[in-house]
Amino acid sequence: MVDLFSSCESFSGEVFPRAYPKSDVVGKGFKAEVDEDGFEVTGDQCSWRVRWPGLRVKGENEQVFMLHSHGTLFILGKKYLNTEQQEHLRRVSGLA
């Protein structure tokens, strides 16, 4: 099993600060819908749908939930989720 946060710490400290400003997601808003089947993230230009069995790695820390599926890393900031939404995500994703 990959240690998601160790990998992401390296990624976020070295790669992310250089890559994010050049990406197409800067300044864009995204919405995530979560249910018992999986989750869907939608934006103005693209969307992703992931069923829970397709999730390769999942984890959380004090600030974010991180979900990885087929080469895409989804980072959901906890400051945007109320307590009920966080508990729901933990339950349906298998984090709880």
N, C-alpha and C. Protein backbone atom coordinates (compact mmCIF):
# COMPACT_ATOMS: atom_id res chain seq x y z
N MET A 1 0.84 -1.18 0.00
CA MET A 1 0.00 0.00 0.00
C MET A 1 0.88 1.24 0.00
N VAL A 2 0.55 2.19 -0.82
CA VAL A 2 1.30 3.44 -0.92
C VAL A 2 0.92 4.35 0.24
N ASP A 3 1.89 4.99 0.85
CA ASP A 3 1.62 5.99 1.87
C ASP A 3 1.25 7.28 1.15
N LEU A 4 -0.03 7.52 1.02
CA LEU A 4 -0.54 8.63 0.23
C LEU A 4 0.00 9.97 0.69
N PHE A 5 0.01 10.19 1.99
CA PHE A 5 0.41 11.51 2.47
C PHE A 5 1.91 11.74 2.36
N SER A 6 2.73 10.71 2.52
CA SER A 6 4.16 10.88 2.30
C SER A 6 4.42 11.22 0.85
N SER A 7 3.73 10.51 -0.05
CA SER A 7 3.90 10.78 -1.47
C SER A 7 3.42 12.18 -1.81
N CYS A 8 2.29 12.57 -1.25
CA CYS A 8 1.73 13.87 -1.57
C CYS A 8 2.51 15.01 -0.92
N GLU A 9 3.10 14.74 0.23
CA GLU A 9 3.92 15.77 0.87
C GLU A 9 5.08 16.14 -0.05
N SER A 10 5.70 15.14 -0.62
CA SER A 10 6.79 15.39 -1.56
C SER A 10 6.25 16.11 -2.80
N PHE A 11 5.12 15.63 -3.31
CA PHE A 11 4.51 16.23 -4.48
C PHE A 11 4.15 17.69 -4.21
N SER A 12 3.46 17.93 -3.07
CA SER A 12 2.99 19.28 -2.79
C SER A 12 4.14 20.24 -2.48
N GLY A 13 5.20 19.74 -1.90
CA GLY A 13 6.32 20.60 -1.56
C GLY A 13 7.25 20.90 -2.72
N GLU A 14 7.30 20.02 -3.71
CA GLU A 14 8.25 20.18 -4.80
C GLU A 14 7.59 20.45 -6.16
N VAL A 15 6.56 19.71 -6.48
CA VAL A 15 5.97 19.78 -7.82
C VAL A 15 4.78 20.73 -7.88
N PHE A 16 3.89 20.61 -6.93
CA PHE A 16 2.63 21.35 -6.98
C PHE A 16 2.80 22.86 -7.09
N PRO A 17 3.68 23.49 -6.29
CA PRO A 17 3.81 24.96 -6.40
C PRO A 17 4.24 25.43 -7.78
N ARG A 18 4.98 24.61 -8.51
CA ARG A 18 5.40 24.99 -9.87
C ARG A 18 4.34 24.64 -10.90
N ALA A 19 3.66 23.52 -10.71
CA ALA A 19 2.72 23.03 -11.72
C ALA A 19 1.36 23.70 -11.64
N TYR A 20 0.86 23.96 -10.45
CA TYR A 20 -0.50 24.49 -10.31
C TYR A 20 -0.71 25.82 -11.04
N PRO A 21 0.17 26.81 -10.91
CA PRO A 21 -0.07 28.09 -11.60
C PRO A 21 -0.18 27.95 -13.12
N LYS A 22 0.41 26.91 -13.68
CA LYS A 22 0.38 26.70 -15.13
C LYS A 22 -0.80 25.82 -15.56
N SER A 23 -1.55 25.30 -14.60
CA SER A 23 -2.62 24.36 -14.92
C SER A 23 -3.88 25.10 -15.38
N ASP A 24 -4.80 24.33 -15.93
CA ASP A 24 -6.08 24.88 -16.39
C ASP A 24 -7.10 25.01 -15.28
N VAL A 25 -6.76 24.66 -14.05
CA VAL A 25 -7.74 24.71 -12.97
C VAL A 25 -7.62 25.96 -12.10
N VAL A 26 -6.63 26.77 -12.33
CA VAL A 26 -6.44 27.99 -11.53
C VAL A 26 -7.67 28.89 -11.68
N GLY A 27 -8.24 29.27 -10.55
CA GLY A 27 -9.38 30.17 -10.56
C GLY A 27 -10.70 29.54 -10.94
N LYS A 28 -10.72 28.25 -11.19
CA LYS A 28 -11.94 27.56 -11.59
C LYS A 28 -12.61 26.96 -10.35
N GLY A 29 -13.93 26.92 -10.38
CA GLY A 29 -14.69 26.30 -9.30
C GLY A 29 -15.10 24.89 -9.68
N PHE A 30 -15.13 24.02 -8.71
CA PHE A 30 -15.55 22.65 -8.91
C PHE A 30 -16.54 22.26 -7.83
N LYS A 31 -17.42 21.35 -8.16
CA LYS A 31 -18.42 20.87 -7.22
C LYS A 31 -18.30 19.34 -7.15
N ALA A 32 -18.34 18.81 -5.93
CA ALA A 32 -18.28 17.35 -5.75
C ALA A 32 -19.60 16.85 -5.20
N GLU A 33 -20.11 15.80 -5.81
CA GLU A 33 -21.31 15.09 -5.33
C GLU A 33 -20.86 13.71 -4.89
N VAL A 34 -21.26 13.31 -3.69
CA VAL A 34 -20.83 12.03 -3.12
C VAL A 34 -22.06 11.22 -2.75
N ASP A 35 -22.06 9.93 -3.16
CA ASP A 35 -23.14 9.04 -2.73
C ASP A 35 -22.58 7.64 -2.50
N GLU A 36 -23.46 6.69 -2.26
CA GLU A 36 -23.03 5.33 -1.94
C GLU A 36 -22.31 4.64 -3.09
N ASP A 37 -22.52 5.09 -4.33
CA ASP A 37 -21.88 4.48 -5.50
C ASP A 37 -20.49 5.03 -5.78
N GLY A 38 -20.24 6.29 -5.42
CA GLY A 38 -18.96 6.91 -5.71
C GLY A 38 -19.06 8.42 -5.60
N PHE A 39 -18.26 9.11 -6.38
CA PHE A 39 -18.31 10.58 -6.37
C PHE A 39 -18.12 11.12 -7.77
N GLU A 40 -18.64 12.34 -7.94
CA GLU A 40 -18.50 13.03 -9.22
C GLU A 40 -18.04 14.45 -8.93
N VAL A 41 -17.02 14.87 -9.64
CA VAL A 41 -16.51 16.24 -9.54
C VAL A 41 -16.79 16.91 -10.87
N THR A 42 -17.46 18.05 -10.83
CA THR A 42 -17.79 18.76 -12.06
C THR A 42 -17.27 20.18 -12.01
N GLY A 43 -16.88 20.65 -13.17
CA GLY A 43 -16.41 22.02 -13.32
C GLY A 43 -16.97 22.59 -14.61
N ASP A 44 -16.53 23.78 -14.96
CA ASP A 44 -17.01 24.43 -16.17
C ASP A 44 -16.58 23.71 -17.44
N GLN A 45 -15.37 23.12 -17.42
CA GLN A 45 -14.82 22.54 -18.64
C GLN A 45 -14.72 21.02 -18.63
N CYS A 46 -14.76 20.40 -17.46
CA CYS A 46 -14.61 18.95 -17.43
C CYS A 46 -15.23 18.38 -16.16
N SER A 47 -15.40 17.07 -16.16
CA SER A 47 -15.93 16.39 -14.98
C SER A 47 -15.34 15.00 -14.88
N TRP A 48 -15.40 14.43 -13.68
CA TRP A 48 -14.90 13.10 -13.42
C TRP A 48 -15.93 12.35 -12.60
N ARG A 49 -16.12 11.08 -12.88
CA ARG A 49 -17.00 10.22 -12.11
C ARG A 49 -16.20 9.00 -11.70
N VAL A 50 -16.14 8.72 -10.41
CA VAL A 50 -15.37 7.59 -9.90
C VAL A 50 -16.28 6.76 -9.00
N ARG A 51 -16.38 5.48 -9.30
CA ARG A 51 -17.10 4.57 -8.41
C ARG A 51 -16.13 4.09 -7.34
N TRP A 52 -16.62 3.84 -6.13
CA TRP A 52 -15.75 3.49 -5.02
C TRP A 52 -14.80 2.34 -5.33
N PRO A 53 -15.21 1.29 -6.04
CA PRO A 53 -14.25 0.22 -6.35
C PRO A 53 -13.07 0.68 -7.22
N GLY A 54 -13.24 1.79 -7.94
CA GLY A 54 -12.17 2.32 -8.79
C GLY A 54 -11.17 3.19 -8.05
N LEU A 55 -11.43 3.43 -6.78
CA LEU A 55 -10.53 4.23 -5.96
C LEU A 55 -9.32 3.39 -5.59
N ARG A 56 -8.13 3.87 -5.93
CA ARG A 56 -6.90 3.11 -5.68
C ARG A 56 -6.33 3.38 -4.29
N VAL A 57 -6.34 4.65 -3.89
CA VAL A 57 -5.78 5.05 -2.60
C VAL A 57 -6.68 6.13 -2.03
N LYS A 58 -6.87 6.11 -0.72
CA LYS A 58 -7.68 7.14 -0.06
C LYS A 58 -7.08 7.45 1.30
N GLY A 59 -7.29 8.66 1.77
CA GLY A 59 -6.78 9.03 3.08
C GLY A 59 -7.23 10.43 3.44
N GLU A 60 -6.92 10.80 4.66
CA GLU A 60 -7.25 12.15 5.12
C GLU A 60 -6.25 12.59 6.17
N ASN A 61 -6.16 13.90 6.31
CA ASN A 61 -5.43 14.47 7.44
C ASN A 61 -6.31 15.56 8.03
N GLU A 62 -5.78 16.45 8.80
CA GLU A 62 -6.59 17.47 9.46
C GLU A 62 -7.21 18.46 8.47
N GLN A 63 -6.60 18.61 7.31
CA GLN A 63 -7.05 19.65 6.38
C GLN A 63 -7.79 19.15 5.15
N VAL A 64 -7.48 17.95 4.69
CA VAL A 64 -8.03 17.49 3.40
C VAL A 64 -8.37 16.00 3.41
N PHE A 65 -9.23 15.64 2.47
CA PHE A 65 -9.43 14.25 2.06
C PHE A 65 -8.68 14.11 0.74
N MET A 66 -7.99 13.00 0.54
CA MET A 66 -7.30 12.74 -0.72
C MET A 66 -7.78 11.41 -1.26
N LEU A 67 -8.18 11.43 -2.52
CA LEU A 67 -8.70 10.24 -3.19
C LEU A 67 -7.96 10.11 -4.51
N HIS A 68 -7.44 8.93 -4.80
CA HIS A 68 -6.67 8.71 -6.03
C HIS A 68 -7.31 7.59 -6.85
N SER A 69 -7.52 7.87 -8.11
CA SER A 69 -8.11 6.88 -9.01
C SER A 69 -7.56 7.06 -10.41
N HIS A 70 -6.98 6.01 -10.94
CA HIS A 70 -6.53 5.98 -12.34
C HIS A 70 -5.75 7.22 -12.76
N GLY A 71 -4.75 7.59 -11.97
CA GLY A 71 -3.86 8.67 -12.33
C GLY A 71 -4.33 10.06 -11.96
N THR A 72 -5.48 10.17 -11.33
CA THR A 72 -5.99 11.48 -10.93
C THR A 72 -6.09 11.54 -9.41
N LEU A 73 -5.55 12.60 -8.84
CA LEU A 73 -5.60 12.82 -7.41
C LEU A 73 -6.63 13.90 -7.12
N PHE A 74 -7.63 13.54 -6.33
CA PHE A 74 -8.67 14.48 -5.93
C PHE A 74 -8.37 14.93 -4.50
N ILE A 75 -8.30 16.22 -4.28
CA ILE A 75 -8.04 16.78 -2.96
C ILE A 75 -9.25 17.62 -2.58
N LEU A 76 -9.94 17.19 -1.52
CA LEU A 76 -11.15 17.88 -1.07
C LEU A 76 -10.84 18.58 0.25
N GLY A 77 -10.85 19.88 0.25
CA GLY A 77 -10.55 20.66 1.45
C GLY A 77 -11.66 20.56 2.48
N LYS A 78 -11.29 20.20 3.70
CA LYS A 78 -12.28 20.05 4.76
C LYS A 78 -12.93 21.37 5.14
N LYS A 79 -12.26 22.48 4.90
CA LYS A 79 -12.85 23.77 5.27
C LYS A 79 -14.10 24.07 4.43
N TYR A 80 -14.27 23.35 3.33
CA TYR A 80 -15.44 23.55 2.48
C TYR A 80 -16.57 22.57 2.81
N LEU A 81 -16.33 21.66 3.75
CA LEU A 81 -17.30 20.63 4.10
C LEU A 81 -17.71 20.77 5.56
N ASN A 82 -19.01 20.69 5.83
CA ASN A 82 -19.43 20.73 7.22
C ASN A 82 -19.20 19.34 7.84
N THR A 83 -19.41 19.23 9.13
CA THR A 83 -19.15 17.99 9.85
C THR A 83 -19.97 16.83 9.29
N GLU A 84 -21.22 17.07 8.98
CA GLU A 84 -22.08 16.01 8.43
C GLU A 84 -21.56 15.53 7.08
N GLN A 85 -21.13 16.44 6.23
CA GLN A 85 -20.59 16.05 4.92
C GLN A 85 -19.30 15.25 5.07
N GLN A 86 -18.45 15.65 6.00
CA GLN A 86 -17.20 14.92 6.24
C GLN A 86 -17.49 13.50 6.72
N GLU A 87 -18.43 13.35 7.64
CA GLU A 87 -18.79 12.02 8.14
C GLU A 87 -19.39 11.16 7.04
N HIS A 88 -20.21 11.76 6.19
CA HIS A 88 -20.81 11.03 5.07
C HIS A 88 -19.72 10.53 4.12
N LEU A 89 -18.76 11.39 3.79
CA LEU A 89 -17.66 10.99 2.91
C LEU A 89 -16.85 9.85 3.52
N ARG A 90 -16.56 9.94 4.80
CA ARG A 90 -15.83 8.86 5.47
C ARG A 90 -16.58 7.54 5.39
N ARG A 91 -17.89 7.61 5.64
CA ARG A 91 -18.71 6.39 5.67
C ARG A 91 -18.79 5.73 4.29
N VAL A 92 -19.16 6.49 3.27
CA VAL A 92 -19.38 5.89 1.95
C VAL A 92 -18.07 5.50 1.25
N SER A 93 -16.97 6.18 1.60
CA SER A 93 -15.69 5.87 0.95
C SER A 93 -14.94 4.73 1.64
N GLY A 94 -15.40 4.37 2.84
CA GLY A 94 -14.70 3.33 3.58
C GLY A 94 -13.58 3.85 4.46
N LEU A 95 -13.49 5.16 4.63
CA LEU A 95 -12.48 5.72 5.51
C LEU A 95 -12.84 5.54 6.98
N ALA A 96 -14.14 5.42 7.26
CA ALA A 96 -14.59 5.30 8.66
C ALA A 96 -14.44 3.87 9.17
